[in-house]
N, C-alpha and C. Protein backbone atom coordinates (compact mmCIF):
# COMPACT_ATOMS: atom_id res chain seq x y z
N MET A 1 86.10 117.19 107.95
CA MET A 1 86.28 116.44 109.17
C MET A 1 86.04 114.97 108.88
N LEU A 2 86.76 114.11 109.58
CA LEU A 2 86.58 112.67 109.39
C LEU A 2 85.70 112.08 110.48
N PHE A 3 84.98 111.03 110.08
CA PHE A 3 84.11 110.31 111.01
C PHE A 3 84.29 108.82 110.81
N ALA A 4 84.33 108.08 111.93
CA ALA A 4 84.33 106.63 111.90
C ALA A 4 82.88 106.16 112.00
N VAL A 5 82.50 105.31 111.07
CA VAL A 5 81.16 104.71 111.07
C VAL A 5 81.38 103.24 111.42
N ILE A 6 80.97 102.86 112.62
CA ILE A 6 81.22 101.53 113.16
C ILE A 6 79.89 100.79 113.23
N CYS A 7 79.79 99.72 112.44
CA CYS A 7 78.51 99.01 112.30
C CYS A 7 78.66 97.56 112.73
N ALA A 8 77.73 97.07 113.51
CA ALA A 8 77.68 95.67 113.92
C ALA A 8 76.46 95.01 113.26
N ASP A 9 76.69 93.89 112.59
CA ASP A 9 75.60 93.16 111.96
C ASP A 9 74.69 92.51 112.99
N LYS A 10 73.45 92.34 112.61
CA LYS A 10 72.54 91.54 113.42
C LYS A 10 73.01 90.09 113.40
N PRO A 11 72.74 89.33 114.45
CA PRO A 11 73.13 87.91 114.45
C PRO A 11 72.51 87.16 113.28
N GLU A 12 73.23 86.18 112.80
CA GLU A 12 72.75 85.28 111.75
C GLU A 12 72.32 86.04 110.50
N SER A 13 73.08 87.06 110.10
CA SER A 13 72.67 87.88 108.96
C SER A 13 73.67 87.83 107.80
N LEU A 14 74.52 86.81 107.77
CA LEU A 14 75.52 86.73 106.71
C LEU A 14 74.86 86.64 105.33
N ASP A 15 73.76 85.90 105.20
CA ASP A 15 73.08 85.79 103.90
C ASP A 15 72.58 87.15 103.42
N LEU A 16 72.02 87.96 104.33
CA LEU A 16 71.56 89.29 103.96
C LEU A 16 72.75 90.16 103.54
N ARG A 17 73.85 90.07 104.27
CA ARG A 17 75.05 90.84 103.93
C ARG A 17 75.52 90.47 102.53
N MET A 18 75.61 89.20 102.23
CA MET A 18 76.13 88.78 100.93
C MET A 18 75.18 89.15 99.80
N ALA A 19 73.88 89.06 100.04
CA ALA A 19 72.90 89.42 99.01
C ALA A 19 72.92 90.92 98.72
N THR A 20 73.25 91.71 99.73
CA THR A 20 73.24 93.16 99.59
C THR A 20 74.62 93.71 99.23
N ARG A 21 75.61 92.87 99.18
CA ARG A 21 76.98 93.33 98.94
C ARG A 21 77.17 94.07 97.61
N PRO A 22 76.63 93.59 96.48
CA PRO A 22 76.87 94.33 95.22
C PRO A 22 76.42 95.80 95.27
N PRO A 23 75.19 96.11 95.73
CA PRO A 23 74.85 97.53 95.80
C PRO A 23 75.65 98.30 96.86
N HIS A 24 76.05 97.62 97.92
CA HIS A 24 76.89 98.25 98.94
C HIS A 24 78.24 98.66 98.34
N VAL A 25 78.86 97.76 97.59
CA VAL A 25 80.15 98.06 96.95
C VAL A 25 79.99 99.18 95.92
N GLU A 26 78.91 99.16 95.18
CA GLU A 26 78.65 100.23 94.21
C GLU A 26 78.53 101.58 94.91
N TRP A 27 77.83 101.60 96.04
CA TRP A 27 77.69 102.82 96.84
C TRP A 27 79.05 103.29 97.34
N LEU A 28 79.86 102.35 97.85
CA LEU A 28 81.20 102.72 98.31
C LEU A 28 82.06 103.26 97.18
N ASN A 29 81.96 102.67 96.01
CA ASN A 29 82.70 103.17 94.85
C ASN A 29 82.32 104.62 94.54
N GLY A 30 81.04 104.94 94.67
CA GLY A 30 80.59 106.32 94.47
C GLY A 30 81.16 107.28 95.50
N LEU A 31 81.17 106.85 96.78
CA LEU A 31 81.77 107.68 97.83
C LEU A 31 83.26 107.87 97.57
N ASN A 32 83.91 106.81 97.13
CA ASN A 32 85.33 106.88 96.86
C ASN A 32 85.62 107.85 95.72
N ALA A 33 84.85 107.76 94.65
CA ALA A 33 85.04 108.65 93.51
C ALA A 33 84.82 110.12 93.90
N ALA A 34 83.93 110.35 94.85
CA ALA A 34 83.64 111.72 95.30
C ALA A 34 84.66 112.23 96.32
N GLY A 35 85.58 111.35 96.77
CA GLY A 35 86.56 111.74 97.77
C GLY A 35 86.05 111.69 99.19
N THR A 36 84.86 111.14 99.38
CA THR A 36 84.25 111.07 100.70
C THR A 36 84.77 109.89 101.51
N LEU A 37 85.03 108.78 100.85
CA LEU A 37 85.46 107.55 101.51
C LEU A 37 86.97 107.56 101.68
N LYS A 38 87.42 107.30 102.89
CA LYS A 38 88.86 107.23 103.17
C LYS A 38 89.30 105.79 103.42
N ILE A 39 88.52 105.03 104.17
CA ILE A 39 88.83 103.63 104.51
C ILE A 39 87.50 102.89 104.60
N ALA A 40 87.49 101.63 104.18
CA ALA A 40 86.30 100.81 104.36
C ALA A 40 86.70 99.34 104.39
N GLY A 41 85.97 98.58 105.19
CA GLY A 41 86.18 97.14 105.23
C GLY A 41 85.34 96.51 106.32
N PRO A 42 85.21 95.19 106.25
CA PRO A 42 84.39 94.48 107.23
C PRO A 42 85.17 94.08 108.47
N PHE A 43 84.45 93.99 109.58
CA PHE A 43 84.95 93.28 110.75
C PHE A 43 84.72 91.80 110.48
N LEU A 44 85.53 90.94 111.09
CA LEU A 44 85.42 89.50 110.87
C LEU A 44 85.16 88.78 112.18
N ASP A 45 84.38 87.69 112.11
CA ASP A 45 84.14 86.87 113.28
C ASP A 45 85.29 85.86 113.46
N ALA A 46 85.17 84.97 114.43
CA ALA A 46 86.22 84.00 114.72
C ALA A 46 86.48 83.04 113.57
N ASN A 47 85.51 82.91 112.66
CA ASN A 47 85.65 82.03 111.50
C ASN A 47 86.07 82.79 110.24
N GLY A 48 86.39 84.08 110.39
CA GLY A 48 86.82 84.88 109.26
C GLY A 48 85.69 85.37 108.37
N LYS A 49 84.47 85.27 108.85
CA LYS A 49 83.30 85.73 108.09
C LYS A 49 82.96 87.17 108.50
N PRO A 50 82.53 88.00 107.55
CA PRO A 50 82.20 89.38 107.90
C PRO A 50 80.99 89.46 108.83
N ASN A 51 81.12 90.36 109.83
CA ASN A 51 80.02 90.52 110.78
C ASN A 51 79.82 91.97 111.21
N GLY A 52 80.34 92.89 110.43
CA GLY A 52 80.20 94.31 110.71
C GLY A 52 81.01 95.10 109.71
N SER A 53 80.98 96.41 109.83
CA SER A 53 81.69 97.27 108.89
C SER A 53 82.34 98.43 109.61
N LEU A 54 83.45 98.89 109.05
CA LEU A 54 84.10 100.12 109.48
C LEU A 54 84.31 100.99 108.26
N LEU A 55 83.81 102.20 108.32
CA LEU A 55 84.05 103.19 107.28
C LEU A 55 84.67 104.41 107.94
N ILE A 56 85.62 105.02 107.28
CA ILE A 56 86.10 106.35 107.65
C ILE A 56 85.69 107.25 106.50
N ILE A 57 84.87 108.24 106.81
CA ILE A 57 84.35 109.13 105.77
C ILE A 57 84.63 110.59 106.12
N ALA A 58 84.69 111.41 105.10
CA ALA A 58 84.80 112.85 105.28
C ALA A 58 83.41 113.46 105.17
N ALA A 59 83.09 114.32 106.12
CA ALA A 59 81.80 115.02 106.11
C ALA A 59 81.97 116.35 106.83
N ASP A 60 81.08 117.29 106.55
CA ASP A 60 81.16 118.61 107.16
C ASP A 60 80.91 118.57 108.67
N ASP A 61 80.00 117.69 109.10
CA ASP A 61 79.66 117.61 110.52
C ASP A 61 78.98 116.27 110.78
N ILE A 62 78.64 116.02 112.03
CA ILE A 62 78.06 114.74 112.43
C ILE A 62 76.74 114.48 111.71
N ASP A 63 75.95 115.51 111.51
CA ASP A 63 74.67 115.31 110.82
C ASP A 63 74.88 114.89 109.37
N ALA A 64 75.87 115.47 108.71
CA ALA A 64 76.19 115.07 107.34
C ALA A 64 76.72 113.64 107.32
N ALA A 65 77.52 113.27 108.31
CA ALA A 65 78.04 111.89 108.39
C ALA A 65 76.89 110.91 108.58
N LYS A 66 75.93 111.24 109.43
CA LYS A 66 74.76 110.39 109.64
C LYS A 66 73.96 110.25 108.35
N ALA A 67 73.82 111.34 107.62
CA ALA A 67 73.06 111.30 106.36
C ALA A 67 73.76 110.39 105.35
N ILE A 68 75.07 110.47 105.28
CA ILE A 68 75.83 109.60 104.37
C ILE A 68 75.64 108.14 104.79
N ALA A 69 75.84 107.85 106.06
CA ALA A 69 75.74 106.47 106.55
C ALA A 69 74.35 105.89 106.33
N SER A 70 73.33 106.72 106.40
CA SER A 70 71.96 106.22 106.23
C SER A 70 71.68 105.76 104.81
N GLN A 71 72.52 106.17 103.86
CA GLN A 71 72.34 105.77 102.47
C GLN A 71 73.00 104.43 102.13
N ASP A 72 73.74 103.86 103.07
CA ASP A 72 74.39 102.57 102.84
C ASP A 72 73.32 101.51 102.56
N PRO A 73 73.44 100.79 101.44
CA PRO A 73 72.47 99.73 101.17
C PRO A 73 72.37 98.69 102.30
N TYR A 74 73.45 98.45 103.01
CA TYR A 74 73.38 97.55 104.16
C TYR A 74 72.44 98.12 105.22
N ALA A 75 72.55 99.41 105.50
CA ALA A 75 71.67 100.05 106.49
C ALA A 75 70.22 100.00 106.02
N LYS A 76 70.01 100.31 104.74
CA LYS A 76 68.65 100.30 104.19
C LYS A 76 68.03 98.90 104.23
N ALA A 77 68.87 97.86 104.12
CA ALA A 77 68.38 96.48 104.15
C ALA A 77 68.13 95.98 105.57
N GLY A 78 68.50 96.76 106.57
CA GLY A 78 68.29 96.35 107.96
C GLY A 78 69.35 95.39 108.46
N LEU A 79 70.54 95.41 107.88
CA LEU A 79 71.61 94.48 108.27
C LEU A 79 72.16 94.77 109.66
N PHE A 80 72.22 96.02 110.05
CA PHE A 80 72.96 96.39 111.25
C PHE A 80 72.12 96.34 112.52
N ALA A 81 72.71 95.76 113.57
CA ALA A 81 72.11 95.79 114.90
C ALA A 81 72.30 97.17 115.51
N ASN A 82 73.46 97.78 115.24
CA ASN A 82 73.70 99.14 115.70
C ASN A 82 74.77 99.80 114.84
N VAL A 83 74.71 101.11 114.81
CA VAL A 83 75.66 101.94 114.07
C VAL A 83 76.10 103.05 115.01
N GLU A 84 77.41 103.20 115.14
CA GLU A 84 77.97 104.27 115.95
C GLU A 84 78.80 105.16 115.03
N ILE A 85 78.62 106.46 115.14
CA ILE A 85 79.36 107.41 114.31
C ILE A 85 80.09 108.37 115.25
N LYS A 86 81.42 108.43 115.08
CA LYS A 86 82.24 109.25 115.97
C LYS A 86 83.21 110.09 115.15
N PRO A 87 83.50 111.32 115.59
CA PRO A 87 84.56 112.09 114.95
C PRO A 87 85.88 111.31 115.08
N TYR A 88 86.70 111.41 114.05
CA TYR A 88 87.93 110.62 113.99
C TYR A 88 89.10 111.49 113.57
N ASN A 89 90.23 111.31 114.23
CA ASN A 89 91.45 112.03 113.90
C ASN A 89 92.48 111.02 113.40
N TRP A 90 92.73 111.03 112.11
CA TRP A 90 93.67 110.09 111.48
C TRP A 90 95.08 110.65 111.64
N VAL A 91 95.82 110.15 112.63
CA VAL A 91 97.12 110.70 112.98
C VAL A 91 98.25 109.98 112.23
N PHE A 92 98.32 108.67 112.33
CA PHE A 92 99.41 107.91 111.75
C PHE A 92 99.06 107.35 110.39
N ASN A 93 99.99 107.42 109.45
CA ASN A 93 99.87 106.85 108.11
C ASN A 93 98.74 107.45 107.29
N ASN A 94 98.39 108.67 107.58
CA ASN A 94 97.38 109.38 106.80
C ASN A 94 98.05 109.93 105.55
N PRO A 95 97.70 109.43 104.36
CA PRO A 95 98.37 109.90 103.15
C PRO A 95 98.12 111.36 102.83
N GLU A 96 97.10 111.95 103.43
CA GLU A 96 96.78 113.35 103.17
C GLU A 96 97.48 114.30 104.16
N ALA A 97 98.14 113.72 105.17
CA ALA A 97 98.79 114.56 106.20
C ALA A 97 100.11 115.12 105.69
């Protein structure tokens, strides 16, 4: 099952995001290699600077999705003001469909 992990950064946290980016990308590469990661990228503010994240991940259930999301180095660093995890149905342009 797929889940959307929608994360909003805390205000004024761009420096923390950039400092934590290398381990975050390494973590994403691991999820990708395992086939867990389907889509990932940042949300952007009006100036084109990252201010949140969107991940689409495969997990057995919501609890497994929460466990995966909790391992994100950004989450561990306290970057996010909030994280929302929702079941997701990839209908259009899904390469696996």
